């Protein structure tokens, strides 16, 4: 019986050693698996946080772009409205009492640029003002022919003797020429 006990003790010791080894291996495997799982969780958390931050940045950028687009659209709309109002005012100035003085200035400037002009063209409603302006200017200007050209509005077009050379001097034309120059100033004023 002593041999049985000895074998049983030896078997028991071997079983305990195998169990201890298995337990140690299980703890090592579990520790490795836990470490990998924590690493995966940490990596996924970082990736999700990065994606979240990137999403916030994209959302802010989109909101900024939308805001800027709306502001530009509103500014453009107000700028267009400002130029339309200015043009309406200029067109209505044709019936103002001081308009003959304006047409005198426009014709005078045109004659300086095209001294040999023989014809002054203007729209029908401005024809009398143009004649009075030419009479006022006197000299060669008084002898210029006045023709109706309804495409010439808020000013005059002077034609040279050959009819091919001309200069147009209108208030609406002046507004159009300074539009690009005035646009940044109007934008700045609207932003304030």
Protein backbone atom coordinates (compact mmCIF):
# COMPACT_ATOMS: atom_id res chain seq x y z
CA UNK A 1 0.00 0.00 0.00
CA UNK A 2 2.81 2.29 0.49
CA UNK A 3 3.55 2.01 -3.18
CA UNK A 4 -0.02 2.96 -4.00
CA UNK A 5 0.23 5.91 -1.73
CA UNK A 6 3.53 6.89 -3.18
CA UNK A 7 2.20 6.61 -6.72
CA UNK A 8 -0.93 8.42 -5.75
CA UNK A 9 1.10 11.21 -4.10
CA UNK A 10 3.36 11.37 -7.11
CA UNK A 11 0.35 11.49 -9.43
CA UNK A 12 -1.24 14.11 -7.21
CA UNK A 13 1.96 16.17 -7.26
CA UNK A 14 2.16 15.81 -11.03
CA UNK A 15 -1.49 16.83 -11.36
CA UNK A 16 -0.90 19.87 -9.15
CA UNK A 17 2.20 20.79 -11.13
CA UNK A 18 0.24 20.44 -14.42
CA UNK A 19 -2.60 22.45 -12.90
CA UNK A 20 -0.14 25.10 -11.73
CA UNK A 21 1.45 25.20 -15.19
CA UNK A 22 -1.98 25.32 -16.81
CA UNK A 23 -3.04 28.06 -14.39
CA UNK A 24 0.15 30.02 -15.14
CA UNK A 25 -0.40 29.53 -18.85
CA UNK A 26 -4.03 30.55 -18.52
CA UNK A 27 -3.01 33.67 -16.58
CA UNK A 28 -0.38 34.48 -19.26
CA UNK A 29 -2.93 33.93 -22.06
CA UNK A 30 -5.55 35.94 -20.16
CA UNK A 31 -3.04 38.74 -19.48
CA UNK A 32 -2.06 38.79 -23.17
CA UNK A 33 -5.68 38.74 -24.29
CA UNK A 34 -6.57 41.47 -21.77
CA UNK A 35 -3.63 43.58 -22.95
CA UNK A 36 -4.63 43.10 -26.60
CA UNK A 37 -8.27 43.87 -25.81
CA UNK A 38 -7.30 47.02 -23.89
CA UNK A 39 -5.00 48.02 -26.73
CA UNK A 40 -7.81 47.47 -29.25
CA UNK A 41 -10.27 49.39 -27.09
CA UNK A 42 -7.75 52.19 -26.61
CA UNK A 43 -7.01 52.26 -30.36
CA UNK A 44 -10.71 52.27 -31.24
CA UNK A 45 -11.35 54.98 -28.66
CA UNK A 46 -8.55 57.12 -30.13
CA UNK A 47 -9.83 56.48 -33.66
CA UNK A 48 -13.39 57.39 -32.64
CA UNK A 49 -12.17 60.51 -30.85
CA UNK A 50 -10.12 61.49 -33.90
CA UNK A 51 -13.10 60.87 -36.17
CA UNK A 52 -15.29 62.89 -33.81
CA UNK A 53 -12.81 65.79 -33.77
CA UNK A 54 -12.46 65.62 -37.57
CA UNK A 55 -16.26 65.63 -37.86
CA UNK A 56 -16.44 68.70 -35.61
CA UNK A 57 -13.78 70.47 -37.68
CA UNK A 58 -15.64 69.61 -40.90
CA UNK A 59 -18.93 70.78 -39.39
CA UNK A 60 -17.36 74.05 -38.23
CA UNK A 61 -15.74 74.55 -41.63
CA UNK A 62 -19.02 73.85 -43.40
CA UNK A 63 -20.83 76.25 -41.08
CA UNK A 64 -18.17 78.92 -41.67
CA UNK A 65 -18.38 78.42 -45.43
CA UNK A 66 -22.16 78.59 -45.33
CA UNK A 67 -22.05 81.69 -43.17
CA UNK A 68 -19.53 83.35 -45.48
CA UNK A 69 -21.57 82.38 -48.53
CA UNK A 70 -24.72 83.85 -46.98
CA UNK A 71 -22.85 87.01 -45.99
CA UNK A 72 -21.40 87.35 -49.51
CA UNK A 73 -24.79 86.74 -51.04
CA UNK A 74 -26.39 89.35 -48.79
CA UNK A 75 -23.57 91.80 -49.48
CA UNK A 76 -23.81 91.16 -53.22
CA UNK A 77 -27.57 91.63 -53.09
CA UNK A 78 -27.23 94.87 -51.12
CA UNK A 79 -24.46 96.05 -53.44
CA UNK A 80 -26.61 95.34 -56.50
CA UNK A 81 -29.47 97.16 -54.83
CA UNK A 82 -27.20 100.14 -54.08
CA UNK A 83 -26.10 100.38 -57.72
CA UNK A 84 -29.69 100.00 -58.93
CA UNK A 85 -30.78 102.79 -56.60
CA UNK A 86 -27.92 104.99 -57.82
CA UNK A 87 -28.84 104.29 -61.44
CA UNK A 88 -32.52 105.07 -60.77
CA UNK A 89 -31.48 108.33 -59.14
CA UNK A 90 -29.25 109.18 -62.11
CA UNK A 91 -32.04 108.38 -64.59
CA UNK A 92 -34.49 110.53 -62.63
CA UNK A 93 -31.98 113.42 -62.56
CA UNK A 94 -32.75 114.03 -66.25
CA UNK A 95 -35.91 115.84 -65.15
CA UNK A 96 -34.15 117.78 -62.39
CA UNK A 97 -33.80 121.57 -62.78
CA UNK A 98 -30.01 121.32 -62.55
CA UNK A 99 -29.75 118.74 -65.35
CA UNK A 100 -29.05 121.38 -68.06
CA UNK A 101 -25.89 122.31 -66.11
CA UNK A 102 -24.90 118.63 -66.06
CA UNK A 103 -25.46 118.25 -69.81
CA UNK A 104 -23.37 121.38 -70.45
CA UNK A 105 -20.52 119.75 -68.52
CA UNK A 106 -20.93 116.43 -70.36
CA UNK A 107 -20.90 118.11 -73.79
CA UNK A 108 -17.95 120.32 -72.81
CA UNK A 109 -15.92 117.28 -71.68
CA UNK A 110 -16.88 115.44 -74.89
CA UNK A 111 -15.74 118.38 -77.02
CA UNK A 112 -12.40 118.42 -75.21
CA UNK A 113 -11.92 114.74 -76.04
CA UNK A 114 -13.25 115.06 -79.63
CA UNK A 115 -12.71 118.71 -80.69
CA UNK A 116 -13.90 118.24 -84.29
CA UNK A 117 -17.29 116.79 -83.34
CA UNK A 118 -20.16 117.71 -85.67
CA UNK A 119 -23.11 115.90 -84.10
CA UNK A 120 -24.47 115.49 -80.58
CA UNK A 121 -26.71 112.47 -80.01
CA UNK A 122 -29.01 112.12 -77.03
CA UNK A 123 -32.33 110.50 -76.20
CA UNK A 124 -35.50 112.31 -77.24
CA UNK A 125 -36.36 113.54 -73.73
CA UNK A 126 -32.93 115.19 -73.42
CA UNK A 127 -32.87 116.80 -76.87
CA UNK A 128 -34.03 120.25 -75.71
CA UNK A 129 -31.55 120.27 -72.83
CA UNK A 130 -28.76 119.39 -75.29
CA UNK A 131 -29.75 122.26 -77.64
CA UNK A 132 -29.84 124.73 -74.75
CA UNK A 133 -26.43 123.45 -73.56
CA UNK A 134 -24.94 123.95 -77.04
CA UNK A 135 -26.38 127.48 -77.22
CA UNK A 136 -24.95 128.19 -73.77
CA UNK A 137 -21.51 126.91 -74.80
CA UNK A 138 -21.65 129.09 -77.92
CA UNK A 139 -18.94 129.25 -80.57
CA UNK A 140 -18.58 126.12 -82.69
CA UNK A 141 -20.66 124.16 -80.19
CA UNK A 142 -23.74 126.22 -81.07
CA UNK A 143 -23.53 124.97 -84.65
CA UNK A 144 -23.49 121.25 -83.79
CA UNK A 145 -26.38 119.15 -85.04
CA UNK A 146 -28.50 117.45 -82.37
CA UNK A 147 -29.84 114.01 -83.24
CA UNK A 148 -32.09 111.65 -81.33
CA UNK A 149 -30.51 108.34 -80.35
CA UNK A 150 -32.56 106.65 -77.63
CA UNK A 151 -29.72 104.27 -76.81
CA UNK A 152 -27.81 107.24 -75.40
CA UNK A 153 -29.35 107.88 -71.99
CA UNK A 154 -28.41 110.32 -69.22
CA UNK A 155 -25.86 112.11 -71.36
CA UNK A 156 -24.54 112.60 -74.85
CA UNK A 157 -22.62 110.95 -77.65
CA UNK A 158 -20.54 113.17 -79.88
CA UNK A 159 -19.71 112.11 -83.44
CA UNK A 160 -16.71 113.24 -85.46
CA UNK A 161 -17.02 114.64 -88.98
CA UNK A 162 -16.59 111.21 -90.56
CA UNK A 163 -19.32 109.72 -88.38
CA UNK A 164 -16.98 106.87 -87.42
CA UNK A 165 -15.27 108.57 -84.50
CA UNK A 166 -17.39 109.07 -81.44
CA UNK A 167 -17.22 109.61 -77.73
CA UNK A 168 -20.00 108.81 -75.32
CA UNK A 169 -20.26 110.73 -72.07
CA UNK A 170 -23.21 109.62 -69.92
CA UNK A 171 -23.90 109.53 -66.21
CA UNK A 172 -24.94 105.86 -66.30
CA UNK A 173 -21.76 105.08 -68.26
CA UNK A 174 -19.70 106.79 -65.59
CA UNK A 175 -21.44 104.76 -62.91
CA UNK A 176 -20.62 101.56 -64.80
CA UNK A 177 -16.96 102.60 -65.20
CA UNK A 178 -16.52 103.13 -61.43
CA UNK A 179 -18.59 100.13 -60.39
CA UNK A 180 -15.56 97.82 -59.93
CA UNK A 181 -13.69 100.54 -58.07
CA UNK A 182 -16.62 101.30 -55.76
CA UNK A 183 -17.60 97.68 -55.08
CA UNK A 184 -14.93 97.04 -52.38
CA UNK A 185 -15.79 100.32 -50.67
CA UNK A 186 -19.50 99.48 -50.65
CA UNK A 187 -18.70 96.00 -49.31
CA UNK A 188 -16.63 97.54 -46.52
CA UNK A 189 -19.42 100.01 -45.65
CA UNK A 190 -22.00 97.21 -45.59
CA UNK A 191 -19.77 95.14 -43.30
CA UNK A 192 -19.58 97.94 -40.71
